[in-house]
Amino acid sequence: MKREVVQASFVITLIVSCVLAQVPTRSTVAPTTPSTTAAPTTLSTTSAPTTAVPTTPSTTAAPTTAAPTSAAPTTSTTPAPTEGSWNWPVDRTPICIKLNLNAEFLITYNTTSGKPKTATIDLPIRGVGVTGDCNGYNSSEAQWIALSWQDANSTDFSLGLNFSSTATAYKVDNITLDYLLSNASFPDVVNPDVPVRAHLLQSVDFLTAQLKDSLQCTVDKDVQLNDANVHGVSFKIENIQLQAYMNTTDNTFGTAENCVPPHNSDIVPIAVGCALALLVIIVLVAYLIGRRRSRQQGYQSV
C-alpha cells in the first residue's frame, strides 16, 4: 500500500513537471531610464588640409570648323576724271563752245629779295565758274569762254579763251589769265595785291580747226603768256579738246582734229652749220698749203 502511494506521488510529480515545462517563462525587463545629459560635442577648430587635384592640360586641340567664305561682291567703279569739262551756255541749249581741259600755270614773279620765284597754279576740274558769249551763234562774230576759280589761298583766277573764224575754220585768237598778286599765293612778291592780266605773246597757230570739227591735243603743250608785272606765265596744257561756233543740243564734239605744234624753221641752224663747216675746210686747206711751201723751201736750201 505504501509502495503504491509512493508510485502515485512519483507519477503526479512527473506529470506536474511536464506541465510546468510546457508553460512559457515570463522575464521581467528592468525599465531603462533615459539619460538627460547630452554628451558634449567637441568642435574641431583645425580645418582638414585640402589637396588641390592637379589638372593635366589637354594636348588634343579641339577641331576647328572653317566658316564658309563667300566672295565679296565686285563693284565696278568709274575712274575719276583727269580733266575738267565745261560748256557755254551752261544751263541751256544749243551750246556754242565746249571745252575739256587739264592744265596748270607756272607764274614767275619778282620778290623782295631780288630773286625771282615761280608759283604753280592748277586749274581744278570742279568748282569752276563759267561765263561766255555766243554772239548770236554767228560764225562771223567773235566768241569767248572764261573759267573762274579760287586756289587754296582764296586767290581769284580767271582763264579766258577768245575765238575768231573765217569762212571755213576757226582758231584760238587769244588766251588771257587774270589774277591778283596776293602774298598768300605769291610769297614775298614785290607789288602785292596788284591785279594782273597775262596774255598771248604771239598767235598760237596749232590751236586751229575746221568749222564743225573739234580740236584735240593729246601731247603736252607749253603756251607762253606775258605781263609787265611778272617775268612770265607758262600755260602748260596737258590735255585739251575744244570746239567753238557750235549750234547743237546733243552736247558732243564734232570730228576731232589733232593739233599741230608750230613748226620752227630749220633754216638758221642749217646755215650756221654750213658756215662752220666751210670755215673748217678753209683753215685745213690753208694749213696744208703752208706746210707744202715750207717743205719746198727746205729742199731748195739743200
Protein backbone atom coordinates (compact mmCIF):
# COMPACT_ATOMS: atom_id res chain seq x y z
CA MET A 1 0.00 0.00 0.00
CA LYS A 2 2.71 2.33 0.97
CA ARG A 3 4.53 1.32 -2.15
CA GLU A 4 1.62 2.27 -4.37
CA VAL A 5 1.34 5.66 -2.67
CA VAL A 6 4.95 6.37 -3.46
CA GLN A 7 4.49 5.37 -7.05
CA ALA A 8 1.37 7.53 -7.34
CA SER A 9 3.23 10.50 -5.88
CA PHE A 10 6.06 9.95 -8.35
CA VAL A 11 3.68 9.86 -11.24
CA ILE A 12 1.90 13.01 -10.08
CA THR A 13 5.22 14.77 -9.64
CA LEU A 14 6.28 13.73 -13.10
CA ILE A 15 3.05 14.98 -14.64
CA VAL A 16 3.33 18.34 -12.85
CA SER A 17 6.91 18.71 -14.00
CA CYS A 18 5.89 18.08 -17.56
CA VAL A 19 3.07 20.64 -17.31
CA LEU A 20 5.38 23.24 -15.81
CA ALA A 21 7.90 22.57 -18.50
CA GLN A 22 5.30 23.49 -21.18
CA VAL A 23 4.36 26.86 -19.58
CA PRO A 24 6.46 29.84 -21.11
CA THR A 25 8.73 31.54 -18.73
CA ARG A 26 8.00 35.34 -18.44
CA SER A 27 11.14 37.50 -17.98
CA THR A 28 10.90 40.82 -16.25
CA VAL A 29 12.88 43.60 -18.11
CA ALA A 30 14.12 46.32 -15.93
CA PRO A 31 12.90 49.75 -17.11
CA THR A 32 15.52 51.91 -18.87
CA THR A 33 15.83 55.41 -17.62
CA PRO A 34 16.56 57.89 -20.41
CA SER A 35 19.73 59.82 -19.90
CA THR A 36 19.08 63.60 -19.78
CA THR A 37 22.71 64.59 -20.03
CA ALA A 38 23.84 65.09 -23.68
CA ALA A 39 27.27 64.02 -24.46
CA PRO A 40 29.45 67.07 -25.03
CA THR A 41 30.42 67.64 -28.70
CA THR A 42 33.88 68.87 -29.39
CA LEU A 43 34.24 71.18 -32.44
CA SER A 44 37.42 70.76 -34.32
CA THR A 45 38.98 74.19 -35.00
CA THR A 46 41.62 72.83 -37.34
CA SER A 47 40.36 72.54 -40.90
CA ALA A 48 41.40 69.50 -42.75
CA PRO A 49 44.10 70.27 -45.28
CA THR A 50 42.81 70.42 -48.81
CA THR A 51 44.95 68.95 -51.54
CA ALA A 52 44.39 70.52 -54.98
CA VAL A 53 43.92 67.96 -57.61
CA PRO A 54 46.49 68.72 -60.35
CA THR A 55 44.92 69.49 -63.69
CA THR A 56 46.54 67.97 -66.71
CA PRO A 57 46.26 70.23 -69.79
CA SER A 58 44.62 68.59 -72.71
CA THR A 59 47.06 68.08 -75.54
CA THR A 60 44.37 67.35 -78.09
CA ALA A 61 43.22 70.56 -79.84
CA ALA A 62 39.55 70.89 -80.39
CA PRO A 63 38.71 70.54 -84.04
CA THR A 64 38.15 73.90 -85.74
CA THR A 65 35.46 74.24 -88.32
CA ALA A 66 36.26 76.82 -91.01
CA ALA A 67 33.42 79.23 -91.55
CA PRO A 68 32.17 79.20 -95.09
CA THR A 69 33.66 82.06 -97.08
CA SER A 70 31.61 83.95 -99.57
CA ALA A 71 33.21 86.01 -102.30
CA ALA A 72 32.78 89.74 -101.80
CA PRO A 73 30.62 91.28 -104.48
CA THR A 74 32.63 93.14 -107.07
CA THR A 75 31.57 96.71 -107.65
CA SER A 76 32.61 98.39 -110.87
CA THR A 77 33.94 101.86 -110.22
CA THR A 78 34.14 104.64 -112.77
CA PRO A 79 37.66 106.13 -112.89
CA ALA A 80 37.91 109.69 -111.64
CA PRO A 81 38.10 112.26 -114.45
CA THR A 82 41.53 113.70 -115.13
CA GLU A 83 40.27 116.82 -116.88
CA GLY A 84 37.51 119.33 -116.46
CA SER A 85 34.60 119.64 -118.88
CA TRP A 86 32.70 122.88 -119.45
CA ASN A 87 30.11 124.24 -121.90
CA TRP A 88 28.68 127.58 -122.79
CA PRO A 89 25.82 128.17 -122.23
CA VAL A 90 25.82 126.11 -119.03
CA ASP A 91 22.12 125.62 -118.31
CA ARG A 92 20.50 125.69 -121.74
CA THR A 93 20.92 124.58 -125.32
CA PRO A 94 22.03 124.91 -128.00
CA ILE A 95 25.65 125.31 -126.93
CA CYS A 96 28.26 127.18 -128.92
CA ILE A 97 31.50 126.34 -127.04
CA LYS A 98 32.58 123.05 -125.47
CA LEU A 99 35.89 122.66 -123.64
CA ASN A 100 37.69 119.74 -121.97
CA LEU A 101 40.96 120.81 -120.38
CA ASN A 102 43.67 119.69 -117.94
CA ALA A 103 46.27 122.39 -117.35
CA GLU A 104 48.45 124.26 -114.91
CA PHE A 105 50.19 127.64 -114.84
CA LEU A 106 53.79 128.37 -113.86
CA ILE A 107 53.93 132.03 -112.86
CA THR A 108 57.37 133.59 -112.33
CA TYR A 109 57.32 136.83 -110.31
CA ASN A 110 59.69 139.29 -108.63
CA THR A 111 60.34 139.04 -104.88
CA THR A 112 61.54 141.49 -102.26
CA SER A 113 64.88 139.66 -102.10
CA GLY A 114 65.51 140.40 -105.78
CA LYS A 115 65.40 136.74 -106.76
CA PRO A 116 62.51 135.56 -108.94
CA LYS A 117 60.24 132.80 -107.73
CA THR A 118 57.81 130.52 -109.58
CA ALA A 119 54.34 129.62 -108.29
CA THR A 120 52.40 126.65 -109.66
CA ILE A 121 48.65 127.19 -110.07
CA ASP A 122 46.46 124.23 -111.03
CA LEU A 123 43.22 124.52 -112.97
CA PRO A 124 40.69 122.50 -110.90
CA ILE A 125 38.22 120.16 -112.56
CA ARG A 126 35.38 121.05 -110.16
CA GLY A 127 34.14 124.22 -108.53
CA VAL A 128 34.79 126.34 -111.62
CA GLY A 129 32.50 129.14 -112.71
CA VAL A 130 31.78 129.55 -116.42
CA THR A 131 30.83 132.64 -118.43
CA GLY A 132 30.92 133.29 -122.16
CA ASP A 133 29.30 134.77 -125.24
CA CYS A 134 27.99 133.04 -128.38
CA ASN A 135 27.29 136.32 -130.22
CA GLY A 136 24.08 135.01 -131.73
CA TYR A 137 25.74 131.78 -132.92
CA ASN A 138 27.09 133.79 -135.85
CA SER A 139 30.28 132.34 -137.31
CA SER A 140 31.44 135.76 -138.41
CA GLU A 141 31.48 137.15 -134.84
CA ALA A 142 33.97 136.53 -132.05
CA GLN A 143 33.08 134.03 -129.31
CA TRP A 144 34.68 133.51 -125.92
CA ILE A 145 34.53 131.42 -122.76
CA ALA A 146 36.02 132.19 -119.32
CA LEU A 147 36.70 129.84 -116.38
CA SER A 148 36.90 131.33 -112.88
CA TRP A 149 38.11 129.66 -109.66
CA GLN A 150 39.90 130.19 -106.36
CA ASP A 151 43.08 128.43 -105.28
CA ALA A 152 43.75 127.02 -101.79
CA ASN A 153 44.66 130.53 -100.59
CA SER A 154 41.35 132.04 -101.82
CA THR A 155 43.10 133.94 -104.60
CA ASP A 156 40.85 134.53 -107.63
CA PHE A 157 41.92 133.35 -111.08
CA SER A 158 40.19 133.58 -114.45
CA LEU A 159 41.23 131.89 -117.71
CA GLY A 160 39.77 133.30 -120.94
CA LEU A 161 39.78 131.79 -124.43
CA ASN A 162 38.81 134.03 -127.34
CA PHE A 163 37.88 132.59 -130.75
CA SER A 164 37.75 134.04 -134.23
CA SER A 165 36.75 132.41 -137.50
CA THR A 166 36.93 132.54 -141.26
CA ALA A 167 34.56 131.07 -143.81
CA THR A 168 35.91 127.54 -143.24
CA ALA A 169 37.92 127.43 -140.00
CA TYR A 170 38.23 128.87 -136.50
CA LYS A 171 41.11 129.31 -134.06
CA VAL A 172 42.00 130.40 -130.54
CA ASP A 173 42.66 134.07 -131.13
CA ASN A 174 43.81 134.97 -127.61
CA ILE A 175 44.39 133.42 -124.18
CA THR A 176 44.27 135.54 -121.03
CA LEU A 177 44.87 134.82 -117.35
CA ASP A 178 43.59 137.32 -114.80
CA TYR A 179 44.66 137.06 -111.14
CA LEU A 180 45.77 139.03 -108.07
CA LEU A 181 49.35 139.01 -106.84
CA SER A 182 48.45 138.11 -103.26
CA ASN A 183 51.09 137.35 -100.64
CA ALA A 184 49.27 134.12 -99.81
CA SER A 185 49.70 132.64 -103.28
CA PHE A 186 52.88 134.55 -104.22
CA PRO A 187 55.10 134.80 -101.09
CA ASP A 188 57.43 137.82 -100.88
CA VAL A 189 56.02 139.37 -104.06
CA VAL A 190 57.29 142.88 -104.74
CA ASN A 191 53.94 144.52 -105.51
CA PRO A 192 51.30 142.66 -103.51
CA ASP A 193 47.58 142.90 -104.29
CA VAL A 194 48.19 144.16 -107.82
CA PRO A 195 45.76 142.83 -110.45
CA VAL A 196 47.49 141.13 -113.37
CA ARG A 197 46.33 140.18 -116.86
CA ALA A 198 48.70 137.92 -118.76
CA HIS A 199 48.01 137.34 -122.44
CA LEU A 200 49.44 135.65 -125.51
CA LEU A 201 52.77 136.87 -126.77
CA GLN A 202 52.06 135.66 -130.30
CA SER A 203 49.40 133.85 -132.25
CA VAL A 204 49.02 130.14 -131.48
CA ASP A 205 48.77 128.57 -134.92
CA PHE A 206 48.34 124.99 -133.73
CA LEU A 207 45.02 125.81 -131.96
CA THR A 208 43.12 125.84 -135.25
CA ALA A 209 40.43 123.54 -136.67
CA GLN A 210 37.82 123.40 -139.40
CA LEU A 211 34.32 124.61 -138.64
CA LYS A 212 32.09 121.80 -137.27
CA ASP A 213 35.22 119.91 -136.14
CA SER A 214 36.80 119.83 -132.69
CA LEU A 215 40.45 120.47 -131.87
CA GLN A 216 42.27 117.89 -129.74
CA CYS A 217 45.80 117.85 -128.31
CA THR A 218 46.86 114.67 -126.54
CA VAL A 219 50.50 115.68 -126.07
CA ASP A 220 51.73 118.33 -123.67
CA LYS A 221 51.88 121.88 -124.97
CA ASP A 222 53.51 124.94 -123.46
CA VAL A 223 51.99 128.34 -124.33
CA GLN A 224 53.78 131.46 -123.12
CA LEU A 225 51.83 134.41 -121.69
CA ASN A 226 53.29 137.67 -120.51
CA ASP A 227 52.56 140.79 -118.45
CA ALA A 228 54.61 143.78 -117.33
CA ASN A 229 54.20 142.89 -113.60
CA VAL A 230 55.68 139.38 -113.86
CA HIS A 231 58.57 137.69 -115.61
CA GLY A 232 56.24 135.38 -117.48
CA VAL A 233 53.42 132.85 -117.33
CA SER A 234 53.77 129.38 -118.78
CA PHE A 235 50.38 127.87 -119.66
CA LYS A 236 51.10 124.13 -119.63
CA ILE A 237 48.37 122.22 -121.48
CA GLU A 238 48.44 118.52 -120.62
CA ASN A 239 45.27 117.55 -122.48
CA ILE A 240 42.74 119.66 -124.35
CA GLN A 241 39.75 119.21 -126.64
CA LEU A 242 37.65 122.18 -127.64
CA GLN A 243 35.18 123.35 -130.22
CA ALA A 244 33.70 126.77 -130.90
CA TYR A 245 31.00 128.02 -133.26
CA MET A 246 28.78 125.06 -132.43
CA ASN A 247 24.99 125.14 -132.60
CA THR A 248 23.99 121.79 -131.12
CA THR A 249 21.77 120.31 -128.43
CA ASP A 250 23.42 116.89 -128.05
CA ASN A 251 26.50 118.21 -126.19
CA THR A 252 29.02 116.15 -128.16
CA PHE A 253 32.19 117.12 -130.00
CA GLY A 254 32.49 117.03 -133.74
CA THR A 255 35.18 115.05 -135.55
CA ALA A 256 38.49 115.54 -133.70
CA GLU A 257 41.43 117.12 -135.50
CA ASN A 258 44.85 116.58 -133.93
CA CYS A 259 46.56 119.86 -133.19
CA VAL A 260 49.81 120.57 -134.98
CA PRO A 261 52.51 122.36 -132.97
CA PRO A 262 54.07 125.43 -134.55
CA HIS A 263 56.86 124.45 -136.92
CA ASN A 264 60.17 126.10 -136.05
CA SER A 265 62.20 126.96 -139.14
CA ASP A 266 65.41 124.96 -139.56
CA ILE A 267 66.98 127.43 -141.98
CA VAL A 268 69.02 129.30 -139.38
CA PRO A 269 70.59 126.21 -137.75
CA ILE A 270 71.41 124.74 -141.17
CA ALA A 271 73.03 127.97 -142.33
CA VAL A 272 75.16 128.22 -139.17
CA GLY A 273 76.29 124.63 -139.54
CA CYS A 274 77.25 125.12 -143.16
CA ALA A 275 79.26 128.27 -142.35
CA LEU A 276 81.20 126.45 -139.61
CA ALA A 277 81.95 123.51 -141.93
CA LEU A 278 83.18 125.89 -144.63
CA LEU A 279 85.41 127.68 -142.12
CA VAL A 280 86.97 124.40 -141.03
CA ILE A 281 87.67 123.46 -144.65
CA ILE A 282 89.30 126.84 -145.38
CA VAL A 283 91.55 126.55 -142.31
CA LEU A 284 92.56 122.99 -143.24
CA VAL A 285 93.38 123.94 -146.83
CA ALA A 286 95.44 126.93 -145.69
CA TYR A 287 97.39 124.71 -143.30
CA LEU A 288 98.18 122.17 -145.99
CA ILE A 289 99.32 124.84 -148.47
CA GLY A 290 101.55 126.49 -145.88
CA ARG A 291 103.14 123.17 -144.91
CA ARG A 292 103.84 122.30 -148.54
CA ARG A 293 105.57 125.63 -149.19
CA SER A 294 107.75 125.24 -146.13
CA ARG A 295 108.93 121.82 -147.40
CA GLN A 296 109.75 123.21 -150.84
CA GLN A 297 111.87 125.97 -149.32
CA GLY A 298 113.74 123.40 -147.32
CA TYR A 299 114.60 121.37 -150.43
CA GLN A 300 115.83 124.46 -152.31
CA SER A 301 118.23 125.41 -149.49
CA VAL A 302 119.76 121.94 -149.55
